[in-house]
Amino acid sequence: MEWTYVIIVLVVLALLWWSIKVVSQYERGVHFRLGKVVGVKQPGLNFIVPLIDKLQKVDMRVITLVVEPQEVITKDNVTIKVDAVVYFQVVNPELAVIRVYDYVKAATQICLTTLRSVLGQSELDELLAHREQINQRLRGIIDEQTERWGVMVTVVEVKDVQLPEGMQRAMARQAEAEREKRAKIIHAEGEYLAAERLAGAAQILTAQAGGLQLRYLQTLTEIAGEHNSTIIPIPIDILSAVSSLTKVGGK
C-alpha cells in the first residue's frame, strides 16, 4: 500500500509539473487543446491540462535577417552583387504558428526572391541614387507577403552594391571628367566676372577727369617699389599724342 501511495504522489507531481508553463516577457504561448487553438497565453505563470493541452511558445522580439550577397542583373543589363538586412517581428503568434511551418525560413526566401525581382526591374543609376525608394519598395512587397503569416517587416536596407571592376573604372573616369568640367566652368565664370569688373573700372577712370592719370602714376609707384628702380613718368597726354602721330605717319 505504501508503494501505491508513493506512485500516486509521484504521478500527481509529474502531472502538476507538466501543467505548469512559464512564458517569458518577450514570448507568447499559443494554446492548443486536442490539436485546436483555444487561445494565446500571456507572459507569466500559466496552467494547461496535461496530455490534452499543448503550449507552443513564439518569440515576439525583432529578428535580424542578413541577406548574403546576391548576384542580380539590373534593368540596363549590369551584373551586380547586392546584400541587404531585414528586420521583422511576429505581431500575431497564432497566425505565425498555424499559417506557416517556419516563418523565419519563409521570410528569408521571400526576401531573397523580392530582392532579385525589384532590383532586376531597376536601373543601376536608380539603385545608386535612390536607394531609399528601393528600400521602401522592398519593405512594402515583403511585408505584404508576410502579413498573412502574422509577421510584420519593419525595415529593409540594401547595405552594399558591388559593381564589376570595369564598371567601377568607367564610373571613376566619368566622375573625374565631371569634376574637370565643373572646374573649367568655375574658372571661366571667374574670368568673365573679372573682365566685367575691369571694364567697369576702365569706364569709371575714363569718365573722371585725371582719373586715368592718377591710376597710371599709382601703377608706376607699385612697379618701382617691387623692382627697386627709378622710373621717370611720362604724362599720358604725351603718350596719346605720340600714339596719334604714329597712326598718322603710318597712314
C-alpha atoms as a PDB file:
ATOM      1  CA  MET A   1       0.000   0.000   0.000  1.00  0.00           C
ATOM      2  CA  GLU A   2       2.837   2.353   0.792  1.00  0.00           C
ATOM      3  CA  TRP A   3       4.288   1.889  -2.708  1.00  0.00           C
ATOM      4  CA  THR A   4       0.880   2.606  -4.191  1.00  0.00           C
ATOM      5  CA  TYR A   5       0.657   5.929  -2.349  1.00  0.00           C
ATOM      6  CA  VAL A   6       4.170   6.803  -3.426  1.00  0.00           C
ATOM      7  CA  ILE A   7       3.368   6.084  -7.075  1.00  0.00           C
ATOM      8  CA  ILE A   8       0.152   8.132  -6.877  1.00  0.00           C
ATOM      9  CA  VAL A   9       2.018  11.051  -5.348  1.00  0.00           C
ATOM     10  CA  LEU A  10       4.722  10.859  -7.992  1.00  0.00           C
ATOM     11  CA  VAL A  11       2.131  10.761 -10.789  1.00  0.00           C
ATOM     12  CA  VAL A  12       0.305  13.761  -9.326  1.00  0.00           C
ATOM     13  CA  LEU A  13       3.545  15.696  -9.003  1.00  0.00           C
ATOM     14  CA  ALA A  14       4.525  14.818 -12.584  1.00  0.00           C
ATOM     15  CA  LEU A  15       1.129  15.934 -13.919  1.00  0.00           C
ATOM     16  CA  LEU A  16       1.368  19.121 -11.898  1.00  0.00           C
ATOM     17  CA  TRP A  17       4.867  19.752 -13.289  1.00  0.00           C
ATOM     18  CA  TRP A  18       3.678  19.223 -16.864  1.00  0.00           C
ATOM     19  CA  SER A  19       0.710  21.518 -16.317  1.00  0.00           C
ATOM     20  CA  ILE A  20       2.840  24.487 -15.248  1.00  0.00           C
ATOM     21  CA  LYS A  21       4.181  26.575 -18.121  1.00  0.00           C
ATOM     22  CA  VAL A  22       6.146  29.795 -17.733  1.00  0.00           C
ATOM     23  CA  VAL A  23       6.002  32.247 -20.635  1.00  0.00           C
ATOM     24  CA  SER A  24       8.758  34.874 -20.738  1.00  0.00           C
ATOM     25  CA  GLN A  25       8.057  38.572 -21.181  1.00  0.00           C
ATOM     26  CA  TYR A  26       9.243  38.537 -24.820  1.00  0.00           C
ATOM     27  CA  GLU A  27       7.151  35.437 -25.686  1.00  0.00           C
ATOM     28  CA  ARG A  28       3.577  34.438 -26.239  1.00  0.00           C
ATOM     29  CA  GLY A  29       2.218  30.925 -25.872  1.00  0.00           C
ATOM     30  CA  VAL A  30      -0.181  29.525 -28.473  1.00  0.00           C
ATOM     31  CA  HIS A  31      -2.514  27.207 -26.532  1.00  0.00           C
ATOM     32  CA  PHE A  32      -3.664  24.018 -28.305  1.00  0.00           C
ATOM     33  CA  ARG A  33      -6.287  21.659 -26.886  1.00  0.00           C
ATOM     34  CA  LEU A  34      -6.656  18.360 -28.694  1.00  0.00           C
ATOM     35  CA  GLY A  35      -4.977  19.953 -31.734  1.00  0.00           C
ATOM     36  CA  LYS A  36      -7.195  23.053 -31.839  1.00  0.00           C
ATOM     37  CA  VAL A  37      -6.107  26.583 -30.942  1.00  0.00           C
ATOM     38  CA  VAL A  38      -8.071  27.797 -27.926  1.00  0.00           C
ATOM     39  CA  GLY A  39      -6.149  30.969 -27.128  1.00  0.00           C
ATOM     40  CA  VAL A  40      -2.839  32.742 -26.603  1.00  0.00           C
ATOM     41  CA  LYS A  41      -1.158  32.716 -23.208  1.00  0.00           C
ATOM     42  CA  GLN A  42       0.381  35.925 -21.903  1.00  0.00           C
ATOM     43  CA  PRO A  43       3.760  36.223 -20.122  1.00  0.00           C
ATOM     44  CA  GLY A  44       3.908  34.757 -16.650  1.00  0.00           C
ATOM     45  CA  LEU A  45       2.780  31.536 -14.955  1.00  0.00           C
ATOM     46  CA  ASN A  46       0.223  29.544 -16.958  1.00  0.00           C
ATOM     47  CA  PHE A  47      -1.504  26.198 -16.425  1.00  0.00           C
ATOM     48  CA  ILE A  48      -2.568  23.651 -19.024  1.00  0.00           C
ATOM     49  CA  VAL A  49      -4.218  20.255 -18.856  1.00  0.00           C
ATOM     50  CA  PRO A  50      -1.519  17.566 -19.106  1.00  0.00           C
ATOM     51  CA  LEU A  51      -1.712  15.128 -22.043  1.00  0.00           C
ATOM     52  CA  ILE A  52      -4.585  17.145 -23.539  1.00  0.00           C
ATOM     53  CA  ASP A  53      -3.181  20.648 -23.948  1.00  0.00           C
ATOM     54  CA  LYS A  54      -0.018  21.835 -25.652  1.00  0.00           C
ATOM     55  CA  LEU A  55       1.645  25.218 -25.385  1.00  0.00           C
ATOM     56  CA  GLN A  56       3.871  26.410 -28.242  1.00  0.00           C
ATOM     57  CA  LYS A  57       5.951  29.466 -27.443  1.00  0.00           C
ATOM     58  CA  VAL A  58       6.590  32.172 -30.046  1.00  0.00           C
ATOM     59  CA  ASP A  59       9.364  34.767 -29.772  1.00  0.00           C
ATOM     60  CA  MET A  60       7.953  38.290 -30.252  1.00  0.00           C
ATOM     61  CA  ARG A  61      11.284  40.113 -30.462  1.00  0.00           C
ATOM     62  CA  VAL A  62      12.611  41.775 -33.597  1.00  0.00           C
ATOM     63  CA  ILE A  63      14.573  39.318 -35.744  1.00  0.00           C
ATOM     64  CA  THR A  64      17.550  40.497 -37.799  1.00  0.00           C
ATOM     65  CA  LEU A  65      17.928  38.711 -41.107  1.00  0.00           C
ATOM     66  CA  VAL A  66      21.166  39.290 -43.037  1.00  0.00           C
ATOM     67  CA  VAL A  67      20.749  38.535 -46.742  1.00  0.00           C
ATOM     68  CA  GLU A  68      24.030  37.289 -48.157  1.00  0.00           C
ATOM     69  CA  PRO A  69      25.335  38.928 -51.386  1.00  0.00           C
ATOM     70  CA  GLN A  70      23.070  38.046 -54.306  1.00  0.00           C
ATOM     71  CA  GLU A  71      24.040  38.339 -57.964  1.00  0.00           C
ATOM     72  CA  VAL A  72      21.474  40.472 -59.763  1.00  0.00           C
ATOM     73  CA  ILE A  73      21.171  41.717 -63.351  1.00  0.00           C
ATOM     74  CA  THR A  74      19.714  45.215 -63.427  1.00  0.00           C
ATOM     75  CA  LYS A  75      17.280  46.552 -65.998  1.00  0.00           C
ATOM     76  CA  ASP A  76      20.157  48.080 -68.008  1.00  0.00           C
ATOM     77  CA  ASN A  77      21.989  44.692 -68.098  1.00  0.00           C
ATOM     78  CA  VAL A  78      24.634  45.362 -65.445  1.00  0.00           C
ATOM     79  CA  THR A  79      25.576  42.398 -63.253  1.00  0.00           C
ATOM     80  CA  ILE A  80      25.989  43.437 -59.622  1.00  0.00           C
ATOM     81  CA  LYS A  81      26.150  41.815 -56.206  1.00  0.00           C
ATOM     82  CA  VAL A  82      23.856  43.187 -53.524  1.00  0.00           C
ATOM     83  CA  ASP A  83      23.452  42.320 -49.865  1.00  0.00           C
ATOM     84  CA  ALA A  84      20.744  43.545 -47.522  1.00  0.00           C
ATOM     85  CA  VAL A  85      19.462  43.383 -43.968  1.00  0.00           C
ATOM     86  CA  VAL A  86      15.828  42.855 -42.986  1.00  0.00           C
ATOM     87  CA  TYR A  87      14.197  43.461 -39.590  1.00  0.00           C
ATOM     88  CA  PHE A  88      10.891  41.760 -38.845  1.00  0.00           C
ATOM     89  CA  GLN A  89       8.878  40.512 -35.889  1.00  0.00           C
ATOM     90  CA  VAL A  90       5.812  38.423 -35.103  1.00  0.00           C
ATOM     91  CA  VAL A  91       2.709  40.507 -34.363  1.00  0.00           C
ATOM     92  CA  ASN A  92       0.182  37.649 -34.397  1.00  0.00           C
ATOM     93  CA  PRO A  93       1.616  34.500 -32.765  1.00  0.00           C
ATOM     94  CA  GLU A  94      -1.415  32.410 -33.654  1.00  0.00           C
ATOM     95  CA  LEU A  95      -1.031  33.019 -37.386  1.00  0.00           C
ATOM     96  CA  ALA A  96       2.749  32.571 -37.182  1.00  0.00           C
ATOM     97  CA  VAL A  97       2.182  29.048 -35.849  1.00  0.00           C
ATOM     98  CA  ILE A  98      -0.762  27.773 -37.885  1.00  0.00           C
ATOM     99  CA  ARG A  99      -0.218  29.538 -41.233  1.00  0.00           C
ATOM    100  CA  VAL A 100       3.434  28.701 -41.916  1.00  0.00           C
ATOM    101  CA  TYR A 101       5.724  25.868 -40.838  1.00  0.00           C
ATOM    102  CA  ASP A 102       8.815  28.040 -40.211  1.00  0.00           C
ATOM    103  CA  TYR A 103       8.137  31.770 -40.522  1.00  0.00           C
ATOM    104  CA  VAL A 104      11.842  32.697 -40.296  1.00  0.00           C
ATOM    105  CA  LYS A 105      12.800  30.440 -43.202  1.00  0.00           C
ATOM    106  CA  ALA A 106       9.746  31.517 -45.192  1.00  0.00           C
ATOM    107  CA  ALA A 107      10.534  35.207 -44.639  1.00  0.00           C
ATOM    108  CA  THR A 108      14.128  34.582 -45.724  1.00  0.00           C
ATOM    109  CA  GLN A 109      13.035  33.079 -49.039  1.00  0.00           C
ATOM    110  CA  ILE A 110      10.559  35.897 -49.646  1.00  0.00           C
ATOM    111  CA  CYS A 111      13.338  38.439 -49.037  1.00  0.00           C
ATOM    112  CA  LEU A 112      15.676  36.725 -51.498  1.00  0.00           C
ATOM    113  CA  THR A 113      13.146  36.461 -54.323  1.00  0.00           C
ATOM    114  CA  THR A 114      11.837  40.004 -53.784  1.00  0.00           C
ATOM    115  CA  LEU A 115      15.353  41.439 -53.731  1.00  0.00           C
ATOM    116  CA  ARG A 116      16.205  39.873 -57.088  1.00  0.00           C
ATOM    117  CA  SER A 117      12.850  40.862 -58.602  1.00  0.00           C
ATOM    118  CA  VAL A 118      12.838  44.528 -57.533  1.00  0.00           C
ATOM    119  CA  LEU A 119      16.499  45.170 -58.347  1.00  0.00           C
ATOM    120  CA  GLY A 120      16.097  43.398 -61.680  1.00  0.00           C
ATOM    121  CA  GLN A 121      13.417  45.954 -62.573  1.00  0.00           C
ATOM    122  CA  SER A 122      15.602  48.926 -61.591  1.00  0.00           C
ATOM    123  CA  GLU A 123      18.433  50.605 -63.460  1.00  0.00           C
ATOM    124  CA  LEU A 124      21.878  50.941 -61.911  1.00  0.00           C
ATOM    125  CA  ASP A 125      21.695  54.738 -61.622  1.00  0.00           C
ATOM    126  CA  GLU A 126      18.348  54.465 -59.836  1.00  0.00           C
ATOM    127  CA  LEU A 127      19.749  51.921 -57.404  1.00  0.00           C
ATOM    128  CA  LEU A 128      22.765  54.083 -56.582  1.00  0.00           C
ATOM    129  CA  ALA A 129      20.976  57.446 -56.408  1.00  0.00           C
ATOM    130  CA  HIS A 130      17.566  56.490 -54.993  1.00  0.00           C
ATOM    131  CA  ARG A 131      18.358  53.658 -52.584  1.00  0.00           C
ATOM    132  CA  GLU A 132      15.800  54.864 -50.018  1.00  0.00           C
ATOM    133  CA  GLN A 133      12.985  54.482 -52.547  1.00  0.00           C
ATOM    134  CA  ILE A 134      14.239  50.986 -53.410  1.00  0.00           C
ATOM    135  CA  ASN A 135      14.233  50.106 -49.706  1.00  0.00           C
ATOM    136  CA  GLN A 136      10.647  51.299 -49.338  1.00  0.00           C
ATOM    137  CA  ARG A 137       9.534  49.231 -52.323  1.00  0.00           C
ATOM    138  CA  LEU A 138      11.250  46.142 -50.933  1.00  0.00           C
ATOM    139  CA  ARG A 139       9.704  46.618 -47.495  1.00  0.00           C
ATOM    140  CA  GLY A 140       6.217  47.101 -48.927  1.00  0.00           C
ATOM    141  CA  ILE A 141       6.346  43.982 -51.108  1.00  0.00           C
ATOM    142  CA  ILE A 142       7.882  41.739 -48.428  1.00  0.00           C
ATOM    143  CA  ASP A 143       5.523  42.988 -45.729  1.00  0.00           C
ATOM    144  CA  GLU A 144       2.522  42.341 -47.968  1.00  0.00           C
ATOM    145  CA  GLN A 145       3.588  38.698 -48.329  1.00  0.00           C
ATOM    146  CA  THR A 146       4.433  38.085 -44.670  1.00  0.00           C
ATOM    147  CA  GLU A 147       1.399  39.877 -43.236  1.00  0.00           C
ATOM    148  CA  ARG A 148      -0.785  36.803 -43.737  1.00  0.00           C
ATOM    149  CA  TRP A 149       1.626  34.856 -41.516  1.00  0.00           C
ATOM    150  CA  GLY A 150       1.294  37.361 -38.671  1.00  0.00           C
ATOM    151  CA  VAL A 151       4.775  38.731 -39.366  1.00  0.00           C
ATOM    152  CA  MET A 152       5.481  42.446 -39.850  1.00  0.00           C
ATOM    153  CA  VAL A 153       8.559  43.705 -41.717  1.00  0.00           C
ATOM    154  CA  THR A 154       9.753  46.940 -40.130  1.00  0.00           C
ATOM    155  CA  VAL A 155      12.951  47.814 -42.044  1.00  0.00           C
ATOM    156  CA  VAL A 156      14.649  46.678 -45.249  1.00  0.00           C
ATOM    157  CA  GLU A 157      18.048  48.169 -46.068  1.00  0.00           C
ATOM    158  CA  VAL A 158      20.262  47.482 -49.070  1.00  0.00           C
ATOM    159  CA  LYS A 159      23.700  47.584 -47.441  1.00  0.00           C
ATOM    160  CA  ASP A 160      26.222  47.336 -50.248  1.00  0.00           C
ATOM    161  CA  VAL A 161      26.243  47.285 -54.045  1.00  0.00           C
ATOM    162  CA  GLN A 162      29.309  45.624 -55.554  1.00  0.00           C
ATOM    163  CA  LEU A 163      29.994  46.716 -59.135  1.00  0.00           C
ATOM    164  CA  PRO A 164      32.219  44.944 -61.696  1.00  0.00           C
ATOM    165  CA  GLU A 165      35.773  46.319 -61.879  1.00  0.00           C
ATOM    166  CA  GLY A 166      35.261  47.592 -65.431  1.00  0.00           C
ATOM    167  CA  MET A 167      32.151  49.484 -64.350  1.00  0.00           C
ATOM    168  CA  GLN A 168      33.980  50.954 -61.353  1.00  0.00           C
ATOM    169  CA  ARG A 169      36.793  52.278 -63.586  1.00  0.00           C
ATOM    170  CA  ALA A 170      34.271  53.724 -66.052  1.00  0.00           C
ATOM    171  CA  MET A 171      32.387  55.481 -63.249  1.00  0.00           C
ATOM    172  CA  ALA A 172      35.665  56.821 -61.831  1.00  0.00           C
ATOM    173  CA  ARG A 173      36.589  58.270 -65.232  1.00  0.00           C
ATOM    174  CA  GLN A 174      33.129  59.774 -65.556  1.00  0.00           C
ATOM    175  CA  ALA A 175      33.352  61.351 -62.103  1.00  0.00           C
ATOM    176  CA  GLU A 176      36.812  62.764 -62.881  1.00  0.00           C
ATOM    177  CA  ALA A 177      35.587  64.220 -66.185  1.00  0.00           C
ATOM    178  CA  GLU A 178      32.623  65.765 -64.366  1.00  0.00           C
ATOM    179  CA  ARG A 179      34.913  67.381 -61.792  1.00  0.00           C
ATOM    180  CA  GLU A 180      37.164  68.783 -64.552  1.00  0.00           C
ATOM    181  CA  LYS A 181      34.098  70.125 -66.318  1.00  0.00           C
ATOM    182  CA  ARG A 182      32.915  71.927 -63.179  1.00  0.00           C
ATOM    183  CA  ALA A 183      36.426  73.314 -62.572  1.00  0.00           C
ATOM    184  CA  LYS A 184      36.605  74.736 -66.095  1.00  0.00           C
ATOM    185  CA  ILE A 185      33.142  76.255 -65.786  1.00  0.00           C
ATOM    186  CA  ILE A 186      34.055  77.890 -62.471  1.00  0.00           C
ATOM    187  CA  HIS A 187      37.327  79.211 -63.947  1.00  0.00           C
ATOM    188  CA  ALA A 188      35.505  80.622 -66.989  1.00  0.00           C
ATOM    189  CA  GLU A 189      32.906  82.276 -64.772  1.00  0.00           C
ATOM    190  CA  GLY A 190      35.715  83.836 -62.717  1.00  0.00           C
ATOM    191  CA  GLU A 191      37.404  85.179 -65.862  1.00  0.00           C
ATOM    192  CA  TYR A 192      34.091  86.589 -67.063  1.00  0.00           C
ATOM    193  CA  LEU A 193      33.424  88.369 -63.766  1.00  0.00           C
ATOM    194  CA  ALA A 194      36.981  89.747 -63.706  1.00  0.00           C
ATOM    195  CA  ALA A 195      36.573  91.080 -67.251  1.00  0.00           C
ATOM    196  CA  GLU A 196      33.303  92.748 -66.263  1.00  0.00           C
ATOM    197  CA  ARG A 197      34.967  94.374 -63.263  1.00  0.00           C
ATOM    198  CA  LEU A 198      37.890  95.599 -65.364  1.00  0.00           C
ATOM    199  CA  ALA A 199      35.564  97.004 -67.998  1.00  0.00           C
ATOM    200  CA  GLY A 200      33.580  98.833 -65.330  1.00  0.00           C
ATOM    201  CA  ALA A 201      36.751 100.216 -63.758  1.00  0.00           C
ATOM    202  CA  ALA A 202      38.001 101.438 -67.156  1.00  0.00           C
ATOM    203  CA  GLN A 203      34.730 103.266 -67.771  1.00  0.00           C
ATOM    204  CA  ILE A 204      34.921 104.980 -64.370  1.00  0.00           C
ATOM    205  CA  LEU A 205      38.569 106.037 -64.846  1.00  0.00           C
ATOM    206  CA  THR A 206      37.855 107.360 -68.334  1.00  0.00           C
ATOM    207  CA  ALA A 207      34.791 109.289 -67.226  1.00  0.00           C
ATOM    208  CA  GLN A 208      36.587 111.105 -64.378  1.00  0.00           C
ATOM    209  CA  ALA A 209      38.998 113.927 -65.293  1.00  0.00           C
ATOM    210  CA  GLY A 210      42.522 112.961 -64.316  1.00  0.00           C
ATOM    211  CA  GLY A 211      41.406 109.570 -63.071  1.00  0.00           C
ATOM    212  CA  LEU A 212      43.371 107.644 -65.641  1.00  0.00           C
ATOM    213  CA  GLN A 213      46.472 109.762 -64.952  1.00  0.00           C
ATOM    214  CA  LEU A 214      46.231 109.038 -61.201  1.00  0.00           C
ATOM    215  CA  ARG A 215      45.879 105.304 -61.834  1.00  0.00           C
ATOM    216  CA  TYR A 216      48.895 105.448 -64.156  1.00  0.00           C
ATOM    217  CA  LEU A 217      51.018 107.142 -61.512  1.00  0.00           C
ATOM    218  CA  GLN A 218      49.887 104.652 -58.850  1.00  0.00           C
ATOM    219  CA  THR A 219      50.874 101.743 -61.075  1.00  0.00           C
ATOM    220  CA  LEU A 220      54.300 103.239 -61.686  1.00  0.00           C
ATOM    221  CA  THR A 221      54.784 103.636 -57.936  1.00  0.00           C
ATOM    222  CA  GLU A 222      53.912  99.975 -57.331  1.00  0.00           C
ATOM    223  CA  ILE A 223      56.312  98.839 -60.069  1.00  0.00           C
ATOM    224  CA  ALA A 224      59.144 100.976 -58.687  1.00  0.00           C
ATOM    225  CA  GLY A 225      58.585  99.580 -55.177  1.00  0.00           C
ATOM    226  CA  GLU A 226      58.677  95.991 -56.351  1.00  0.00           C
ATOM    227  CA  HIS A 227      61.795  96.252 -58.549  1.00  0.00           C
ATOM    228  CA  ASN A 228      63.798  98.860 -56.512  1.00  0.00           C
ATOM    229  CA  SER A 229      64.387 101.001 -59.598  1.00  0.00           C
ATOM    230  CA  THR A 230      63.827 104.585 -60.614  1.00  0.00           C
ATOM    231  CA  ILE A 231      61.095 105.241 -63.164  1.00  0.00           C
ATOM    232  CA  ILE A 232      60.570 108.579 -64.926  1.00  0.00           C
ATOM    233  CA  PRO A 233      56.852 109.029 -65.514  1.00  0.00           C
ATOM    234  CA  ILE A 234      55.702 110.300 -68.895  1.00  0.00           C
ATOM    235  CA  PRO A 235      52.370 112.121 -68.932  1.00  0.00           C
ATOM    236  CA  ILE A 236      49.583 110.210 -70.581  1.00  0.00           C
ATOM    237  CA  ASP A 237      48.835 113.234 -72.805  1.00  0.00           C
ATOM    238  CA  ILE A 238      52.292 112.924 -74.375  1.00  0.00           C
ATOM    239  CA  LEU A 239      51.792 109.176 -74.864  1.00  0.00           C
ATOM    240  CA  SER A 240      48.443 109.835 -76.539  1.00  0.00           C
ATOM    241  CA  ALA A 241      49.986 112.467 -78.816  1.00  0.00           C
ATOM    242  CA  VAL A 242      52.820 110.143 -79.795  1.00  0.00           C
ATOM    243  CA  SER A 243      50.321 107.372 -80.477  1.00  0.00           C
ATOM    244  CA  SER A 244      48.269 109.738 -82.703  1.00  0.00           C
ATOM    245  CA  LEU A 245      51.340 110.853 -84.663  1.00  0.00           C
ATOM    246  CA  THR A 246      52.378 107.230 -85.120  1.00  0.00           C
ATOM    247  CA  LYS A 247      48.962 106.368 -86.542  1.00  0.00           C
ATOM    248  CA  VAL A 248      49.044 109.418 -88.891  1.00  0.00           C
ATOM    249  CA  GLY A 249      52.568 108.570 -90.037  1.00  0.00           C
ATOM    250  CA  GLY A 250      51.559 105.010 -90.670  1.00  0.00           C
ATOM    251  CA  LYS A 251      48.778 106.129 -92.945  1.00  0.00           C
END
